[in-house]
PDB file of N, CA and C in Angstrom:
ATOM      1  N   HIS A   1     -61.368  55.678 -50.015  1.00  0.00           N
ATOM      2  CA  HIS A   1     -62.543  55.783 -49.312  1.00  0.00           C
ATOM      3  C   HIS A   1     -63.477  56.325 -48.565  1.00  0.00           C
ATOM      4  N   TYR A   2     -64.596  57.654 -48.945  1.00  0.00           N
ATOM      5  CA  TYR A   2     -64.932  57.715 -47.087  1.00  0.00           C
ATOM      6  C   TYR A   2     -65.682  56.968 -45.948  1.00  0.00           C
ATOM      7  N   GLN A   3     -65.750  55.082 -46.218  1.00  0.00           N
ATOM      8  CA  GLN A   3     -65.866  54.509 -44.807  1.00  0.00           C
ATOM      9  C   GLN A   3     -64.864  54.204 -44.078  1.00  0.00           C
ATOM     10  N   TRP A   4     -63.403  54.714 -45.103  1.00  0.00           N
ATOM     11  CA  TRP A   4     -62.563  54.087 -44.844  1.00  0.00           C
ATOM     12  C   TRP A   4     -61.541  54.957 -43.264  1.00  0.00           C
ATOM     13  N   ILE A   5     -62.326  55.843 -43.268  1.00  0.00           N
ATOM     14  CA  ILE A   5     -61.711  57.221 -42.111  1.00  0.00           C
ATOM     15  C   ILE A   5     -63.061  56.418 -40.539  1.00  0.00           C
ATOM     16  N   CYS A   6     -62.478  56.682 -40.243  1.00  0.00           N
ATOM     17  CA  CYS A   6     -63.294  56.194 -38.710  1.00  0.00           C
ATOM     18  C   CYS A   6     -64.127  57.431 -38.024  1.00  0.00           C
ATOM     19  N   PRO A   7     -65.458  56.710 -37.553  1.00  0.00           N
ATOM     20  CA  PRO A   7     -66.658  57.760 -37.662  1.00  0.00           C
ATOM     21  C   PRO A   7     -66.448  59.262 -37.127  1.00  0.00           C
ATOM     22  N   PRO A   8     -65.826  58.797 -35.945  1.00  0.00           N
ATOM     23  CA  PRO A   8     -66.220  60.585 -34.804  1.00  0.00           C
ATOM     24  C   PRO A   8     -65.365  61.268 -35.706  1.00  0.00           C
ATOM     25  N   CYS A   9     -64.049  61.357 -36.765  1.00  0.00           N
ATOM     26  CA  CYS A   9     -63.096  61.990 -37.995  1.00  0.00           C
ATOM     27  C   CYS A   9     -63.813  62.480 -38.451  1.00  0.00           C
ATOM     28  N   ARG A  10     -65.209  61.482 -38.909  1.00  0.00           N
ATOM     29  CA  ARG A  10     -65.979  61.633 -39.860  1.00  0.00           C
ATOM     30  C   ARG A  10     -66.633  62.587 -39.289  1.00  0.00           C
ATOM     31  N   ARG A  11     -67.598  62.708 -38.779  1.00  0.00           N
ATOM     32  CA  ARG A  11     -68.209  63.753 -37.488  1.00  0.00           C
ATOM     33  C   ARG A  11     -67.355  64.781 -37.890  1.00  0.00           C
ATOM     34  N   ALA A  12     -66.698  64.707 -36.833  1.00  0.00           N
ATOM     35  CA  ALA A  12     -65.460  66.067 -36.853  1.00  0.00           C
ATOM     36  C   ALA A  12     -65.017  67.113 -37.695  1.00  0.00           C
ATOM     37  N   LEU A  13     -64.741  66.425 -39.058  1.00  0.00           N
ATOM     38  CA  LEU A  13     -64.431  66.434 -40.700  1.00  0.00           C
ATOM     39  C   LEU A  13     -65.439  67.244 -40.504  1.00  0.00           C
ATOM     40  N   LEU A  14     -66.457  66.974 -40.475  1.00  0.00           N
ATOM     41  CA  LEU A  14     -68.260  67.503 -41.134  1.00  0.00           C
ATOM     42  C   LEU A  14     -68.405  68.757 -40.617  1.00  0.00           C
ATOM     43  N   ALA A  15     -68.104  68.623 -39.531  1.00  0.00           N
ATOM     44  CA  ALA A  15     -68.465  69.562 -38.260  1.00  0.00           C
ATOM     45  C   ALA A  15     -67.324  70.965 -38.002  1.00  0.00           C
ATOM     46  N   LEU A  16     -66.238  70.312 -38.919  1.00  0.00           N
ATOM     47  CA  LEU A  16     -65.409  71.495 -39.391  1.00  0.00           C
ATOM     48  C   LEU A  16     -66.001  71.915 -41.016  1.00  0.00           C
ATOM     49  N   ALA A  17     -65.511  71.487 -41.933  1.00  0.00           N
ATOM     50  CA  ALA A  17     -66.806  72.181 -43.161  1.00  0.00           C
ATOM     51  C   ALA A  17     -68.012  72.675 -42.435  1.00  0.00           C
ATOM     52  N   GLN A  18     -69.015  72.109 -42.003  1.00  0.00           N
ATOM     53  CA  GLN A  18     -69.779  73.217 -42.275  1.00  0.00           C
ATOM     54  C   GLN A  18     -69.364  74.432 -40.981  1.00  0.00           C
ATOM     55  N   GLY A  19     -68.273  74.707 -40.317  1.00  0.00           N
ATOM     56  CA  GLY A  19     -67.850  75.567 -39.422  1.00  0.00           C
ATOM     57  C   GLY A  19     -67.475  76.849 -40.689  1.00  0.00           C
ATOM     58  N   ARG A  20     -67.137  76.311 -41.285  1.00  0.00           N
ATOM     59  CA  ARG A  20     -66.115  77.022 -43.027  1.00  0.00           C
ATOM     60  C   ARG A  20     -67.009  77.867 -42.881  1.00  0.00           C
ATOM     61  N   LEU A  21     -67.982  76.896 -43.618  1.00  0.00           N
ATOM     62  CA  LEU A  21     -69.430  77.292 -45.643  1.00  0.00           C
ATOM     63  C   LEU A  21     -70.433  77.842 -43.970  1.00  0.00           C
ATOM     64  N   ARG A  22     -70.810  77.688 -43.079  1.00  0.00           N
ATOM     65  CA  ARG A  22     -71.322  79.331 -42.766  1.00  0.00           C
ATOM     66  C   ARG A  22     -70.652  80.370 -42.480  1.00  0.00           C
ATOM     67  N   ALA A  23     -69.620  79.645 -41.575  1.00  0.00           N
ATOM     68  CA  ALA A  23     -68.785  81.763 -41.409  1.00  0.00           C
ATOM     69  C   ALA A  23     -68.517  82.414 -42.517  1.00  0.00           C
ATOM     70  N   THR A  24     -68.772  81.515 -43.525  1.00  0.00           N
ATOM     71  CA  THR A  24     -68.602  82.151 -45.092  1.00  0.00           C
ATOM     72  C   THR A  24     -69.770  83.117 -45.745  1.00  0.00           C
ATOM     73  N   GLN A  25     -71.182  82.218 -45.126  1.00  0.00           N
ATOM     74  CA  GLN A  25     -71.814  82.396 -45.457  1.00  0.00           C
ATOM     75  C   GLN A  25     -72.288  83.983 -44.151  1.00  0.00           C
ATOM     76  N   TRP A  26     -72.854  83.661 -43.589  1.00  0.00           N
ATOM     77  CA  TRP A  26     -72.940  84.305 -41.805  1.00  0.00           C
ATOM     78  C   TRP A  26     -71.948  85.769 -42.312  1.00  0.00           C
ATOM     79  N   GLY A  27     -70.895  85.951 -43.064  1.00  0.00           N
ATOM     80  CA  GLY A  27     -70.394  86.758 -42.841  1.00  0.00           C
ATOM     81  C   GLY A  27     -70.216  87.473 -44.270  1.00  0.00           C
ATOM     82  N   GLY A  28     -71.127  87.583 -45.357  1.00  0.00           N
ATOM     83  CA  GLY A  28     -71.088  87.682 -46.070  1.00  0.00           C
ATOM     84  C   GLY A  28     -69.975  87.405 -47.441  1.00  0.00           C
ATOM     85  N   THR A  29     -69.119  88.515 -46.919  1.00  0.00           N
ATOM     86  CA  THR A  29     -67.026  87.664 -47.448  1.00  0.00           C
ATOM     87  C   THR A  29     -66.785  86.363 -46.608  1.00  0.00           C
ATOM     88  N   GLU A  30     -65.766  85.847 -47.456  1.00  0.00           N
ATOM     89  CA  GLU A  30     -64.715  84.719 -46.981  1.00  0.00           C
ATOM     90  C   GLU A  30     -63.875  86.087 -46.188  1.00  0.00           C
ATOM     91  N   ARG A  31     -63.651  84.858 -45.152  1.00  0.00           N
ATOM     92  CA  ARG A  31     -63.072  85.884 -44.127  1.00  0.00           C
ATOM     93  C   ARG A  31     -61.547  84.639 -43.752  1.00  0.00           C
ATOM     94  N   ALA A  32     -60.106  85.513 -44.294  1.00  0.00           N
ATOM     95  CA  ALA A  32     -59.170  84.171 -44.424  1.00  0.00           C
ATOM     96  C   ALA A  32     -58.699  83.941 -43.113  1.00  0.00           C
ATOM     97  N   ILE A  33     -58.481  82.410 -42.309  1.00  0.00           N
ATOM     98  CA  ILE A  33     -58.413  81.938 -41.386  1.00  0.00           C
ATOM     99  C   ILE A  33     -57.170  81.476 -41.309  1.00  0.00           C
ATOM    100  N   ALA A  34     -56.426  82.103 -40.044  1.00  0.00           N
ATOM    101  CA  ALA A  34     -54.842  82.602 -40.252  1.00  0.00           C
ATOM    102  C   ALA A  34     -54.675  81.650 -39.197  1.00  0.00           C
ATOM    103  N   VAL A  35     -54.616  80.435 -38.880  1.00  0.00           N
ATOM    104  CA  VAL A  35     -54.593  79.223 -37.876  1.00  0.00           C
ATOM    105  C   VAL A  35     -55.487  77.998 -38.518  1.00  0.00           C
ATOM    106  N   THR A  36     -55.349  77.071 -39.387  1.00  0.00           N
ATOM    107  CA  THR A  36     -55.875  75.631 -39.201  1.00  0.00           C
ATOM    108  C   THR A  36     -56.179  75.468 -37.854  1.00  0.00           C
ATOM    109  N   PRO A  37     -57.589  75.211 -37.378  1.00  0.00           N
ATOM    110  CA  PRO A  37     -57.416  74.120 -36.072  1.00  0.00           C
ATOM    111  C   PRO A  37     -56.799  72.714 -36.085  1.00  0.00           C
ATOM    112  N   PRO A  38     -56.583  72.400 -35.158  1.00  0.00           N
ATOM    113  CA  PRO A  38     -56.365  71.332 -35.294  1.00  0.00           C
ATOM    114  C   PRO A  38     -57.578  70.286 -35.077  1.00  0.00           C
ATOM    115  N   ILE A  39     -57.685  69.165 -36.221  1.00  0.00           N
ATOM    116  CA  ILE A  39     -58.945  68.227 -35.726  1.00  0.00           C
ATOM    117  C   ILE A  39     -58.817  67.653 -34.847  1.00  0.00           C
ATOM    118  N   PRO A  40     -59.941  67.042 -33.980  1.00  0.00           N
ATOM    119  CA  PRO A  40     -60.258  66.831 -32.964  1.00  0.00           C
ATOM    120  C   PRO A  40     -59.950  64.844 -33.055  1.00  0.00           C
ATOM    121  N   MET A  41     -59.749  64.364 -31.539  1.00  0.00           N
ATOM    122  CA  MET A  41     -59.186  63.114 -32.500  1.00  0.00           C
ATOM    123  C   MET A  41     -60.402  62.077 -30.505  1.00  0.00           C
ATOM    124  N   PRO A  42     -60.352  61.111 -32.548  1.00  0.00           N
ATOM    125  CA  PRO A  42     -61.940  60.539 -30.633  1.00  0.00           C
ATOM    126  C   PRO A  42     -61.259  59.704 -30.144  1.00  0.00           C
ATOM    127  N   VAL A  43     -61.776  59.690 -28.840  1.00  0.00           N
ATOM    128  CA  VAL A  43     -62.011  58.773 -27.406  1.00  0.00           C
ATOM    129  C   VAL A  43     -62.922  58.168 -27.635  1.00  0.00           C
ATOM    130  N   TYR A  44     -63.361  57.073 -27.494  1.00  0.00           N
ATOM    131  CA  TYR A  44     -64.253  55.972 -26.721  1.00  0.00           C
ATOM    132  C   TYR A  44     -64.301  56.099 -25.458  1.00  0.00           C
ATOM    133  N   ALA A  45     -65.100  55.882 -24.687  1.00  0.00           N
ATOM    134  CA  ALA A  45     -65.707  56.141 -23.069  1.00  0.00           C
ATOM    135  C   ALA A  45     -65.835  54.438 -23.327  1.00  0.00           C
ATOM    136  N   ASN A  46     -66.284  53.567 -24.280  1.00  0.00           N
ATOM    137  CA  ASN A  46     -66.153  52.203 -23.928  1.00  0.00           C
ATOM    138  C   ASN A  46     -65.934  51.303 -25.462  1.00  0.00           C
ATOM    139  N   PRO A  47     -65.224  50.131 -25.270  1.00  0.00           N
ATOM    140  CA  PRO A  47     -65.254  49.600 -26.295  1.00  0.00           C
ATOM    141  C   PRO A  47     -65.313  49.875 -27.755  1.00  0.00           C
ATOM    142  N   GLY A  48     -65.932  48.252 -27.121  1.00  0.00           N
ATOM    143  CA  GLY A  48     -67.803  48.542 -27.547  1.00  0.00           C
ATOM    144  C   GLY A  48     -68.522  49.201 -27.953  1.00  0.00           C
ATOM    145  N   ILE A  49     -68.397  49.916 -28.256  1.00  0.00           N
ATOM    146  CA  ILE A  49     -69.805  51.674 -28.682  1.00  0.00           C
ATOM    147  C   ILE A  49     -68.643  52.171 -30.113  1.00  0.00           C
ATOM    148  N   GLY A  50     -67.237  51.811 -30.081  1.00  0.00           N
ATOM    149  CA  GLY A  50     -66.068  51.795 -31.386  1.00  0.00           C
ATOM    150  C   GLY A  50     -66.395  51.103 -32.525  1.00  0.00           C
ATOM    151  N   GLU A  51     -67.370  49.926 -32.801  1.00  0.00           N
ATOM    152  CA  GLU A  51     -68.079  49.310 -33.703  1.00  0.00           C
ATOM    153  C   GLU A  51     -69.212  50.282 -34.591  1.00  0.00           C
ATOM    154  N   GLY A  52     -68.193  50.569 -36.152  1.00  0.00           N
ATOM    155  CA  GLY A  52     -69.414  51.297 -36.144  1.00  0.00           C
ATOM    156  C   GLY A  52     -69.716  49.950 -37.573  1.00  0.00           C
ATOM    157  N   PRO A  53     -70.713  50.571 -39.022  1.00  0.00           N
ATOM    158  CA  PRO A  53     -71.903  49.594 -38.996  1.00  0.00           C
ATOM    159  C   PRO A  53     -70.427  49.114 -40.442  1.00  0.00           C
ATOM    160  N   LEU A  54     -68.773  48.937 -40.440  1.00  0.00           N
ATOM    161  CA  LEU A  54     -67.638  48.277 -40.988  1.00  0.00           C
ATOM    162  C   LEU A  54     -67.916  46.977 -39.913  1.00  0.00           C
ATOM    163  N   GLY A  55     -68.314  46.593 -38.770  1.00  0.00           N
ATOM    164  CA  GLY A  55     -68.295  45.687 -37.643  1.00  0.00           C
ATOM    165  C   GLY A  55     -66.689  46.111 -37.137  1.00  0.00           C
ATOM    166  N   VAL A  56     -66.363  45.144 -36.902  1.00  0.00           N
ATOM    167  CA  VAL A  56     -64.422  45.088 -37.250  1.00  0.00           C
ATOM    168  C   VAL A  56     -63.173  45.287 -37.639  1.00  0.00           C
ATOM    169  N   GLU A  57     -63.680  46.123 -38.811  1.00  0.00           N
ATOM    170  CA  GLU A  57     -63.076  47.040 -39.539  1.00  0.00           C
ATOM    171  C   GLU A  57     -63.031  48.532 -39.034  1.00  0.00           C
ATOM    172  N   ASP A  58     -63.656  48.721 -38.581  1.00  0.00           N
ATOM    173  CA  ASP A  58     -64.189  50.054 -37.817  1.00  0.00           C
ATOM    174  C   ASP A  58     -63.698  50.126 -36.763  1.00  0.00           C
ATOM    175  N   THR A  59     -62.782  49.249 -36.330  1.00  0.00           N
ATOM    176  CA  THR A  59     -61.656  49.334 -34.841  1.00  0.00           C
ATOM    177  C   THR A  59     -60.719  48.644 -35.035  1.00  0.00           C
ATOM    178  N   GLU A  60     -60.069  47.894 -36.121  1.00  0.00           N
ATOM    179  CA  GLU A  60     -58.894  47.467 -36.902  1.00  0.00           C
ATOM    180  C   GLU A  60     -58.252  49.133 -36.974  1.00  0.00           C
ATOM    181  N   ASN A  61     -59.023  49.680 -38.159  1.00  0.00           N
ATOM    182  CA  ASN A  61     -58.959  51.659 -38.468  1.00  0.00           C
ATOM    183  C   ASN A  61     -59.170  52.438 -37.484  1.00  0.00           C
ATOM    184  N   PHE A  62     -59.650  52.111 -36.223  1.00  0.00           N
ATOM    185  CA  PHE A  62     -59.677  53.133 -35.874  1.00  0.00           C
ATOM    186  C   PHE A  62     -58.879  54.171 -35.518  1.00  0.00           C
ATOM    187  N   HIS A  63     -57.659  55.110 -34.980  1.00  0.00           N
ATOM    188  CA  HIS A  63     -56.570  56.585 -35.213  1.00  0.00           C
ATOM    189  C   HIS A  63     -56.664  57.074 -33.770  1.00  0.00           C
ATOM    190  N   PRO A  64     -56.128  56.574 -32.808  1.00  0.00           N
ATOM    191  CA  PRO A  64     -55.997  57.554 -31.752  1.00  0.00           C
ATOM    192  C   PRO A  64     -55.229  58.093 -31.960  1.00  0.00           C
TER     193      PRO A  64
END
């Protein structure tokens, strides 16, 4: 389920998907992407900030 993905990863994947959509929309034709870019890994500056709407479960599912 979508909520079990840690919040920073959700944001990163959404941004990557939007970038692909924008590239095809503004380019006119779909371009083949030779190399899939690496998915950014989330890093929390403050451990308390990492708690999302699922509370403790967000911290348990965080995968650096």
